[in-house]
Amino acid sequence: MRRVIRNSILALTLCLTAGAPVFVGPVFAQGAAKGASGLPLPRFASLKSRKVNIRIGPSTDYAVSWMYMKAGTPMEIIQEYENWRRVRDADGTEGWVNQALLSGTRTAVAAPWMRGKGDDVFVNMRRGPEGSSGLIAKIEPGAVLTIGECNGDWCHAEVGEAEGWVNQGEIWGAYPGEAFK
């Protein structure tokens, strides 16, 4: 059965900064430096809470620049300072969030660079990790998926009730060539 997965509303509200965010391509994790936590930088994580403030600096003394309204939104951690993490979202917007609001659960956004390109643009979810494998679902750009593993080319993902494999080059949330289980 083929299904179309519609965008799960990546609600970015309370924008206090001028101008629209610009997509910044992924940074490669291979050869990554280690942050103060001992974990590699950059790396991917996701938002733990339903409402998360992103600040312009690493403290509650700094102004809120964004409020994210969806738990599970993927974030790229690009810097660490004490218990604060500088993060970047799929649109390239950056800011600081307390580490307690981040989860190690890997999520991804389906082809965020294709949002608004037309009603017939989708990311294909397949039964197996190859392009010739059967089609399970068509995922709308911008939808958030939970990813459990990647082999460097394909990632095993879940979105809604659909579960299957998506091409790693068609998501934001795993580095090109990154493999993990």
N, C-alpha and C. Protein backbone atom coordinates (compact mmCIF):
# COMPACT_ATOMS: atom_id res chain seq x y z
N MET A 1 0.84 -1.18 0.00
CA MET A 1 0.00 0.00 0.00
C MET A 1 0.89 1.24 0.00
N ARG A 2 0.64 2.14 -0.90
CA ARG A 2 1.39 3.38 -0.97
C ARG A 2 0.67 4.45 -0.19
N ARG A 3 1.43 5.23 0.55
CA ARG A 3 0.87 6.32 1.32
C ARG A 3 1.65 7.59 1.04
N VAL A 4 1.00 8.69 1.19
CA VAL A 4 1.66 9.99 1.11
C VAL A 4 1.70 10.55 2.52
N ILE A 5 2.91 10.85 2.99
CA ILE A 5 3.08 11.40 4.33
C ILE A 5 3.18 12.91 4.20
N ARG A 6 2.25 13.61 4.79
CA ARG A 6 2.22 15.07 4.73
C ARG A 6 3.09 15.67 5.82
N ASN A 7 3.53 16.89 5.58
CA ASN A 7 4.41 17.60 6.50
C ASN A 7 3.85 17.60 7.90
N SER A 8 4.69 17.29 8.87
CA SER A 8 4.26 17.25 10.26
C SER A 8 4.56 18.57 10.96
N ILE A 9 4.34 19.64 10.26
CA ILE A 9 4.41 21.02 10.74
C ILE A 9 5.61 21.28 11.64
N LEU A 10 6.71 21.65 11.03
CA LEU A 10 7.87 22.09 11.78
C LEU A 10 7.59 23.53 12.19
N ALA A 11 6.88 23.71 13.27
CA ALA A 11 6.44 25.04 13.68
C ALA A 11 7.60 25.83 14.25
N LEU A 12 8.02 26.82 13.54
CA LEU A 12 9.05 27.71 14.03
C LEU A 12 8.36 29.05 14.26
N THR A 13 8.17 29.39 15.53
CA THR A 13 7.43 30.58 15.84
C THR A 13 8.27 31.52 16.67
N LEU A 14 7.73 32.67 16.89
CA LEU A 14 8.35 33.68 17.72
C LEU A 14 9.70 34.12 17.17
N CYS A 15 9.76 34.35 15.88
CA CYS A 15 11.01 34.78 15.26
C CYS A 15 11.22 36.24 15.58
N LEU A 16 12.28 36.52 16.30
CA LEU A 16 12.59 37.90 16.65
C LEU A 16 13.73 38.46 15.82
N THR A 17 14.22 37.65 14.89
CA THR A 17 15.31 38.11 14.05
C THR A 17 14.76 38.51 12.69
N ALA A 18 15.45 39.40 12.01
CA ALA A 18 15.01 39.87 10.70
C ALA A 18 15.50 38.92 9.62
N GLY A 19 14.75 38.81 8.54
CA GLY A 19 15.15 38.02 7.39
C GLY A 19 14.78 36.56 7.55
N ALA A 20 14.68 35.88 6.42
CA ALA A 20 14.33 34.46 6.42
C ALA A 20 15.58 33.62 6.58
N PRO A 21 15.47 32.48 7.26
CA PRO A 21 16.64 31.61 7.40
C PRO A 21 17.07 31.06 6.05
N VAL A 22 18.35 30.82 5.91
CA VAL A 22 18.92 30.30 4.68
C VAL A 22 19.48 28.92 4.96
N PHE A 23 19.22 27.96 4.07
CA PHE A 23 19.71 26.60 4.27
C PHE A 23 21.22 26.59 4.14
N VAL A 24 21.86 25.95 5.09
CA VAL A 24 23.30 25.73 5.05
C VAL A 24 23.50 24.24 4.92
N GLY A 25 24.26 23.81 3.95
CA GLY A 25 24.48 22.39 3.73
C GLY A 25 25.12 21.73 4.94
N PRO A 26 25.00 20.43 5.02
CA PRO A 26 25.53 19.71 6.18
C PRO A 26 27.04 19.80 6.26
N VAL A 27 27.53 19.78 7.47
CA VAL A 27 28.95 19.73 7.75
C VAL A 27 29.31 18.28 7.93
N PHE A 28 30.44 17.84 7.43
CA PHE A 28 30.82 16.44 7.53
C PHE A 28 31.32 16.12 8.92
N ALA A 29 30.83 15.02 9.49
CA ALA A 29 31.23 14.61 10.83
C ALA A 29 32.54 13.84 10.83
N GLN A 30 32.95 13.28 9.69
CA GLN A 30 34.17 12.51 9.65
C GLN A 30 35.34 13.40 10.06
N GLY A 31 36.19 12.89 10.95
CA GLY A 31 37.33 13.66 11.43
C GLY A 31 36.91 14.78 12.35
N ALA A 32 35.74 14.64 12.95
CA ALA A 32 35.19 15.70 13.78
C ALA A 32 36.02 15.90 15.03
N ALA A 33 36.05 17.14 15.50
CA ALA A 33 36.70 17.47 16.76
C ALA A 33 35.80 17.01 17.90
N LYS A 34 36.33 16.99 19.10
CA LYS A 34 35.52 16.64 20.26
C LYS A 34 35.22 17.90 21.04
N GLY A 35 33.98 17.99 21.54
CA GLY A 35 33.58 19.11 22.37
C GLY A 35 33.99 18.86 23.81
N ALA A 36 33.67 19.80 24.69
CA ALA A 36 33.99 19.68 26.11
C ALA A 36 33.33 18.44 26.73
N SER A 37 32.21 18.00 26.16
CA SER A 37 31.50 16.82 26.65
C SER A 37 32.22 15.52 26.31
N GLY A 38 33.20 15.61 25.40
CA GLY A 38 33.89 14.41 24.93
C GLY A 38 33.23 13.81 23.70
N LEU A 39 32.09 14.36 23.30
CA LEU A 39 31.37 13.88 22.12
C LEU A 39 31.83 14.65 20.89
N PRO A 40 31.69 14.05 19.70
CA PRO A 40 32.17 14.72 18.49
C PRO A 40 31.37 15.96 18.15
N LEU A 41 32.04 16.91 17.53
CA LEU A 41 31.40 18.11 16.97
C LEU A 41 31.79 18.19 15.51
N PRO A 42 30.87 18.44 14.62
CA PRO A 42 29.43 18.52 14.86
C PRO A 42 28.83 17.13 15.00
N ARG A 43 27.57 17.10 15.49
CA ARG A 43 26.81 15.86 15.61
C ARG A 43 25.33 16.21 15.60
N PHE A 44 24.50 15.21 15.35
CA PHE A 44 23.06 15.43 15.33
C PHE A 44 22.41 14.98 16.62
N ALA A 45 21.36 15.68 17.01
CA ALA A 45 20.52 15.36 18.16
C ALA A 45 19.11 15.80 17.78
N SER A 46 18.19 15.72 18.72
CA SER A 46 16.83 16.20 18.46
C SER A 46 16.32 16.90 19.71
N LEU A 47 15.27 17.69 19.52
CA LEU A 47 14.68 18.40 20.65
C LEU A 47 13.87 17.43 21.50
N LYS A 48 14.05 17.50 22.80
CA LYS A 48 13.40 16.59 23.74
C LYS A 48 11.99 17.07 24.10
N SER A 49 11.81 18.36 24.17
CA SER A 49 10.55 18.94 24.65
C SER A 49 9.71 19.52 23.53
N ARG A 50 8.43 19.71 23.84
CA ARG A 50 7.48 20.27 22.87
C ARG A 50 7.77 21.75 22.62
N LYS A 51 8.16 22.49 23.65
CA LYS A 51 8.49 23.91 23.49
C LYS A 51 9.94 24.11 23.92
N VAL A 52 10.76 24.61 23.00
CA VAL A 52 12.17 24.84 23.29
C VAL A 52 12.56 26.23 22.79
N ASN A 53 13.11 27.02 23.69
CA ASN A 53 13.63 28.34 23.33
C ASN A 53 15.05 28.21 22.81
N ILE A 54 15.31 28.88 21.72
CA ILE A 54 16.67 28.99 21.19
C ILE A 54 17.11 30.42 21.46
N ARG A 55 18.26 30.57 22.09
CA ARG A 55 18.74 31.89 22.53
C ARG A 55 19.91 32.36 21.68
N ILE A 56 20.17 33.67 21.76
CA ILE A 56 21.26 34.24 20.97
C ILE A 56 22.62 34.02 21.63
N GLY A 57 22.64 33.55 22.88
CA GLY A 57 23.88 33.26 23.59
C GLY A 57 23.66 32.13 24.57
N PRO A 58 24.76 31.61 25.17
CA PRO A 58 24.70 30.43 26.03
C PRO A 58 24.34 30.72 27.49
N SER A 59 23.16 31.27 27.71
CA SER A 59 22.68 31.55 29.07
C SER A 59 21.24 32.02 28.99
N THR A 60 20.50 31.87 30.08
CA THR A 60 19.13 32.40 30.11
C THR A 60 19.13 33.93 30.16
N ASP A 61 20.30 34.54 30.34
CA ASP A 61 20.41 35.99 30.31
C ASP A 61 20.28 36.53 28.88
N TYR A 62 20.46 35.66 27.89
CA TYR A 62 20.37 36.07 26.48
C TYR A 62 18.93 35.98 25.99
N ALA A 63 18.61 36.82 25.03
CA ALA A 63 17.26 36.87 24.45
C ALA A 63 16.93 35.59 23.68
N VAL A 64 15.65 35.27 23.64
CA VAL A 64 15.15 34.16 22.84
C VAL A 64 15.02 34.63 21.40
N SER A 65 15.59 33.87 20.47
CA SER A 65 15.48 34.24 19.06
C SER A 65 14.44 33.38 18.33
N TRP A 66 14.23 32.16 18.79
CA TRP A 66 13.24 31.25 18.19
C TRP A 66 12.60 30.43 19.30
N MET A 67 11.38 29.98 19.05
CA MET A 67 10.76 28.97 19.90
C MET A 67 10.32 27.84 18.99
N TYR A 68 10.84 26.65 19.24
CA TYR A 68 10.44 25.47 18.49
C TYR A 68 9.29 24.82 19.23
N MET A 69 8.30 24.37 18.48
CA MET A 69 7.06 23.87 19.06
C MET A 69 6.83 22.38 18.79
N LYS A 70 7.88 21.64 18.49
CA LYS A 70 7.70 20.22 18.18
C LYS A 70 8.86 19.40 18.72
N ALA A 71 8.57 18.52 19.66
CA ALA A 71 9.58 17.58 20.13
C ALA A 71 10.01 16.70 18.96
N GLY A 72 11.28 16.32 18.94
CA GLY A 72 11.78 15.47 17.87
C GLY A 72 12.40 16.22 16.71
N THR A 73 12.31 17.54 16.70
CA THR A 73 12.91 18.32 15.62
C THR A 73 14.43 18.08 15.62
N PRO A 74 15.00 17.69 14.47
CA PRO A 74 16.44 17.44 14.45
C PRO A 74 17.24 18.73 14.55
N MET A 75 18.37 18.65 15.24
CA MET A 75 19.29 19.77 15.40
C MET A 75 20.71 19.25 15.21
N GLU A 76 21.54 20.08 14.63
CA GLU A 76 22.96 19.77 14.52
C GLU A 76 23.68 20.56 15.61
N ILE A 77 24.37 19.87 16.50
CA ILE A 77 25.15 20.54 17.55
C ILE A 77 26.49 20.91 16.95
N ILE A 78 26.80 22.22 16.97
CA ILE A 78 28.02 22.69 16.32
C ILE A 78 29.03 23.29 17.29
N GLN A 79 28.62 23.52 18.54
CA GLN A 79 29.53 24.09 19.53
C GLN A 79 29.00 23.78 20.92
N GLU A 80 29.89 23.71 21.90
CA GLU A 80 29.51 23.47 23.29
C GLU A 80 30.12 24.54 24.19
N TYR A 81 29.35 24.96 25.18
CA TYR A 81 29.86 25.86 26.21
C TYR A 81 29.15 25.50 27.51
N GLU A 82 29.90 24.95 28.45
CA GLU A 82 29.34 24.47 29.71
C GLU A 82 28.14 23.56 29.41
N ASN A 83 26.95 23.86 29.94
CA ASN A 83 25.79 22.99 29.67
C ASN A 83 24.91 23.53 28.54
N TRP A 84 25.49 24.36 27.68
CA TRP A 84 24.77 24.93 26.55
C TRP A 84 25.34 24.37 25.25
N ARG A 85 24.46 24.21 24.27
CA ARG A 85 24.86 23.70 22.96
C ARG A 85 24.41 24.68 21.88
N ARG A 86 25.34 25.05 21.02
CA ARG A 86 24.98 25.88 19.85
C ARG A 86 24.49 24.91 18.79
N VAL A 87 23.28 25.15 18.31
CA VAL A 87 22.64 24.23 17.37
C VAL A 87 22.28 24.96 16.08
N ARG A 88 22.10 24.13 15.05
CA ARG A 88 21.65 24.63 13.74
C ARG A 88 20.52 23.73 13.29
N ASP A 89 19.45 24.34 12.74
CA ASP A 89 18.34 23.53 12.24
C ASP A 89 18.49 23.30 10.74
N ALA A 90 17.56 22.60 10.16
CA ALA A 90 17.62 22.22 8.74
C ALA A 90 17.58 23.43 7.81
N ASP A 91 17.09 24.57 8.29
CA ASP A 91 17.04 25.77 7.47
C ASP A 91 18.28 26.64 7.64
N GLY A 92 19.19 26.23 8.54
CA GLY A 92 20.42 26.98 8.76
C GLY A 92 20.35 27.96 9.91
N THR A 93 19.22 28.04 10.60
CA THR A 93 19.08 28.94 11.74
C THR A 93 19.89 28.39 12.91
N GLU A 94 20.66 29.26 13.55
CA GLU A 94 21.52 28.86 14.66
C GLU A 94 21.14 29.57 15.94
N GLY A 95 21.44 28.94 17.06
CA GLY A 95 21.23 29.54 18.37
C GLY A 95 21.68 28.58 19.45
N TRP A 96 21.45 28.97 20.70
CA TRP A 96 21.91 28.20 21.86
C TRP A 96 20.73 27.60 22.61
N VAL A 97 20.91 26.36 23.06
CA VAL A 97 19.89 25.64 23.82
C VAL A 97 20.57 24.90 24.96
N ASN A 98 19.88 24.79 26.08
CA ASN A 98 20.41 24.04 27.20
C ASN A 98 20.44 22.56 26.84
N GLN A 99 21.53 21.88 27.19
CA GLN A 99 21.69 20.46 26.82
C GLN A 99 20.56 19.58 27.35
N ALA A 100 19.92 19.98 28.45
CA ALA A 100 18.84 19.18 29.03
C ALA A 100 17.63 19.10 28.11
N LEU A 101 17.55 19.99 27.13
CA LEU A 101 16.42 20.02 26.20
C LEU A 101 16.70 19.25 24.92
N LEU A 102 17.87 18.58 24.86
CA LEU A 102 18.25 17.82 23.68
C LEU A 102 18.26 16.33 24.00
N SER A 103 17.95 15.54 22.99
CA SER A 103 17.91 14.08 23.11
C SER A 103 18.89 13.48 22.11
N GLY A 104 19.42 12.32 22.43
CA GLY A 104 20.28 11.60 21.50
C GLY A 104 19.51 10.86 20.43
N THR A 105 18.19 10.87 20.50
CA THR A 105 17.36 10.22 19.48
C THR A 105 17.62 10.89 18.13
N ARG A 106 17.92 10.09 17.13
CA ARG A 106 18.21 10.63 15.80
C ARG A 106 16.91 10.80 15.02
N THR A 107 16.71 11.99 14.55
CA THR A 107 15.60 12.30 13.66
C THR A 107 16.17 13.01 12.45
N ALA A 108 15.37 13.16 11.43
CA ALA A 108 15.81 13.83 10.21
C ALA A 108 14.62 14.52 9.57
N VAL A 109 14.92 15.47 8.70
CA VAL A 109 13.90 16.16 7.92
C VAL A 109 14.03 15.66 6.48
N ALA A 110 12.91 15.27 5.90
CA ALA A 110 12.90 14.83 4.51
C ALA A 110 13.12 16.03 3.59
N ALA A 111 14.20 16.01 2.83
CA ALA A 111 14.52 17.00 1.79
C ALA A 111 14.03 18.42 2.07
N PRO A 112 14.51 19.06 3.14
CA PRO A 112 14.02 20.42 3.44
C PRO A 112 14.30 21.42 2.31
N TRP A 113 15.31 21.18 1.52
CA TRP A 113 15.64 22.06 0.40
C TRP A 113 14.63 21.96 -0.73
N MET A 114 13.71 20.98 -0.67
CA MET A 114 12.70 20.81 -1.72
C MET A 114 11.32 21.33 -1.30
N ARG A 115 11.19 21.85 -0.06
CA ARG A 115 9.90 22.40 0.38
C ARG A 115 9.45 23.49 -0.58
N GLY A 116 8.18 23.43 -0.92
CA GLY A 116 7.60 24.46 -1.78
C GLY A 116 7.96 24.32 -3.25
N LYS A 117 8.56 23.22 -3.66
CA LYS A 117 8.96 23.03 -5.06
C LYS A 117 7.86 22.39 -5.90
N GLY A 118 6.71 22.13 -5.31
CA GLY A 118 5.62 21.54 -6.07
C GLY A 118 4.95 20.42 -5.30
N ASP A 119 3.73 20.10 -5.73
CA ASP A 119 2.94 19.07 -5.05
C ASP A 119 3.37 17.65 -5.43
N ASP A 120 4.22 17.52 -6.45
CA ASP A 120 4.61 16.19 -6.91
C ASP A 120 6.05 15.85 -6.51
N VAL A 121 6.60 16.56 -5.53
CA VAL A 121 7.97 16.32 -5.07
C VAL A 121 7.90 15.55 -3.75
N PHE A 122 8.52 14.37 -3.72
CA PHE A 122 8.48 13.52 -2.54
C PHE A 122 9.82 12.82 -2.35
N VAL A 123 10.03 12.33 -1.13
CA VAL A 123 11.13 11.42 -0.81
C VAL A 123 10.51 10.03 -0.74
N ASN A 124 11.08 9.11 -1.48
CA ASN A 124 10.54 7.75 -1.51
C ASN A 124 11.06 6.94 -0.33
N MET A 125 10.14 6.25 0.34
CA MET A 125 10.50 5.30 1.39
C MET A 125 10.33 3.91 0.77
N ARG A 126 11.39 3.09 0.91
CA ARG A 126 11.41 1.78 0.25
C ARG A 126 11.51 0.64 1.26
N ARG A 127 11.16 -0.57 0.81
CA ARG A 127 11.19 -1.75 1.67
C ARG A 127 12.62 -2.14 2.09
N GLY A 128 13.57 -1.90 1.23
CA GLY A 128 14.96 -2.25 1.51
C GLY A 128 15.89 -1.10 1.16
N PRO A 129 17.17 -1.23 1.51
CA PRO A 129 18.13 -0.15 1.28
C PRO A 129 18.72 -0.13 -0.13
N GLU A 130 17.85 -0.06 -1.12
CA GLU A 130 18.29 0.09 -2.51
C GLU A 130 17.15 0.71 -3.33
N GLY A 131 17.52 1.42 -4.36
CA GLY A 131 16.55 2.14 -5.19
C GLY A 131 15.57 1.25 -5.92
N SER A 132 15.92 -0.02 -6.11
CA SER A 132 15.02 -0.94 -6.82
C SER A 132 14.03 -1.63 -5.89
N SER A 133 14.17 -1.41 -4.59
CA SER A 133 13.28 -2.04 -3.62
C SER A 133 11.88 -1.43 -3.71
N GLY A 134 10.87 -2.17 -3.30
CA GLY A 134 9.48 -1.73 -3.40
C GLY A 134 9.20 -0.43 -2.64
N LEU A 135 8.32 0.37 -3.21
CA LEU A 135 7.93 1.65 -2.62
C LEU A 135 6.91 1.43 -1.51
N ILE A 136 7.18 1.99 -0.32
CA ILE A 136 6.27 1.90 0.81
C ILE A 136 5.45 3.17 0.94
N ALA A 137 6.13 4.33 0.83
CA ALA A 137 5.44 5.62 1.03
C ALA A 137 6.18 6.71 0.29
N LYS A 138 5.46 7.78 0.02
CA LYS A 138 6.05 9.00 -0.53
C LYS A 138 5.95 10.04 0.58
N ILE A 139 7.09 10.59 0.97
CA ILE A 139 7.16 11.51 2.10
C ILE A 139 7.34 12.93 1.60
N GLU A 140 6.49 13.80 2.09
CA GLU A 140 6.55 15.21 1.69
C GLU A 140 7.79 15.88 2.26
N PRO A 141 8.48 16.71 1.47
CA PRO A 141 9.62 17.46 1.99
C PRO A 141 9.22 18.26 3.24
N GLY A 142 10.08 18.21 4.26
CA GLY A 142 9.82 18.91 5.51
C GLY A 142 9.28 18.00 6.60
N ALA A 143 8.82 16.80 6.25
CA ALA A 143 8.32 15.87 7.26
C ALA A 143 9.48 15.39 8.12
N VAL A 144 9.22 15.18 9.41
CA VAL A 144 10.24 14.70 10.34
C VAL A 144 10.13 13.18 10.47
N LEU A 145 11.28 12.51 10.33
CA LEU A 145 11.37 11.06 10.43
C LEU A 145 12.25 10.71 11.62
N THR A 146 12.01 9.57 12.23
CA THR A 146 12.91 9.03 13.24
C THR A 146 13.80 8.02 12.53
N ILE A 147 15.11 8.17 12.67
CA ILE A 147 16.02 7.24 12.00
C ILE A 147 16.74 6.38 13.04
N GLY A 148 16.77 5.08 12.77
CA GLY A 148 17.37 4.15 13.71
C GLY A 148 18.76 3.72 13.32
N GLU A 149 19.03 3.68 12.02
CA GLU A 149 20.35 3.30 11.55
C GLU A 149 20.56 3.83 10.14
N CYS A 150 21.82 4.03 9.80
CA CYS A 150 22.20 4.42 8.44
C CYS A 150 23.40 3.58 8.05
N ASN A 151 23.48 3.20 6.77
CA ASN A 151 24.61 2.39 6.31
C ASN A 151 25.59 3.19 5.45
N GLY A 152 25.42 4.49 5.39
CA GLY A 152 26.28 5.34 4.57
C GLY A 152 25.60 5.79 3.29
N ASP A 153 24.61 5.04 2.85
CA ASP A 153 23.84 5.38 1.65
C ASP A 153 22.34 5.46 1.92
N TRP A 154 21.85 4.63 2.84
CA TRP A 154 20.44 4.55 3.14
C TRP A 154 20.24 4.58 4.65
N CYS A 155 19.09 5.12 5.09
CA CYS A 155 18.75 5.15 6.51
C CYS A 155 17.41 4.45 6.73
N HIS A 156 17.35 3.64 7.78
CA HIS A 156 16.09 3.01 8.16
C HIS A 156 15.32 4.03 8.99
N ALA A 157 14.09 4.32 8.60
CA ALA A 157 13.33 5.41 9.20
C ALA A 157 11.89 5.03 9.45
N GLU A 158 11.28 5.81 10.34
CA GLU A 158 9.85 5.70 10.62
C GLU A 158 9.25 7.09 10.53
N VAL A 159 8.06 7.17 9.95
CA VAL A 159 7.29 8.41 9.93
C VAL A 159 5.82 8.00 9.93
N GLY A 160 5.08 8.52 10.89
CA GLY A 160 3.70 8.07 11.04
C GLY A 160 3.69 6.57 11.27
N GLU A 161 2.90 5.84 10.51
CA GLU A 161 2.85 4.38 10.62
C GLU A 161 3.72 3.69 9.59
N ALA A 162 4.44 4.48 8.78
CA ALA A 162 5.29 3.89 7.75
C ALA A 162 6.70 3.66 8.29
N GLU A 163 7.29 2.54 7.88
CA GLU A 163 8.65 2.19 8.28
C GLU A 163 9.36 1.60 7.07
N GLY A 164 10.56 2.10 6.79
CA GLY A 164 11.32 1.61 5.65
C GLY A 164 12.63 2.35 5.51
N TRP A 165 13.16 2.35 4.31
CA TRP A 165 14.48 2.92 4.03
C TRP A 165 14.35 4.14 3.12
N VAL A 166 15.11 5.19 3.46
CA VAL A 166 15.17 6.40 2.64
C VAL A 166 16.61 6.65 2.24
N ASN A 167 16.79 7.22 1.07
CA ASN A 167 18.12 7.55 0.59
C ASN A 167 18.73 8.60 1.50
N GLN A 168 19.94 8.35 2.00
CA GLN A 168 20.59 9.24 2.95
C GLN A 168 20.82 10.63 2.38
N GLY A 169 20.97 10.74 1.08
CA GLY A 169 21.16 12.04 0.43
C GLY A 169 19.88 12.86 0.33
N GLU A 170 18.74 12.28 0.71
CA GLU A 170 17.46 12.98 0.62
C GLU A 170 16.91 13.39 1.98
N ILE A 171 17.77 13.33 3.01
CA ILE A 171 17.34 13.76 4.34
C ILE A 171 18.39 14.68 4.95
N TRP A 172 17.96 15.49 5.91
CA TRP A 172 18.87 16.30 6.71
C TRP A 172 18.77 15.76 8.13
N GLY A 173 19.86 15.17 8.60
CA GLY A 173 19.87 14.57 9.93
C GLY A 173 20.89 13.46 10.03
N ALA A 174 21.55 13.15 8.93
CA ALA A 174 22.65 12.19 8.89
C ALA A 174 23.64 12.72 7.86
N TYR A 175 24.91 12.66 8.22
CA TYR A 175 25.95 13.16 7.32
C TYR A 175 26.15 12.24 6.14
N PRO A 176 26.56 12.78 4.99
CA PRO A 176 26.85 11.92 3.83
C PRO A 176 27.91 10.87 4.21
N GLY A 177 27.61 9.61 3.93
CA GLY A 177 28.53 8.54 4.23
C GLY A 177 28.55 8.08 5.67
N GLU A 178 27.79 8.73 6.56
CA GLU A 178 27.77 8.35 7.98
C GLU A 178 27.03 7.02 8.15
N ALA A 179 27.63 6.12 8.90
CA ALA A 179 27.00 4.84 9.21
C ALA A 179 26.91 4.68 10.71
N PHE A 180 25.75 4.24 11.19
CA PHE A 180 25.54 3.98 12.61
C PHE A 180 24.36 3.05 12.79
N LYS A 181 24.30 2.41 13.96
CA LYS A 181 23.17 1.53 14.31
C LYS A 181 22.62 1.96 15.63
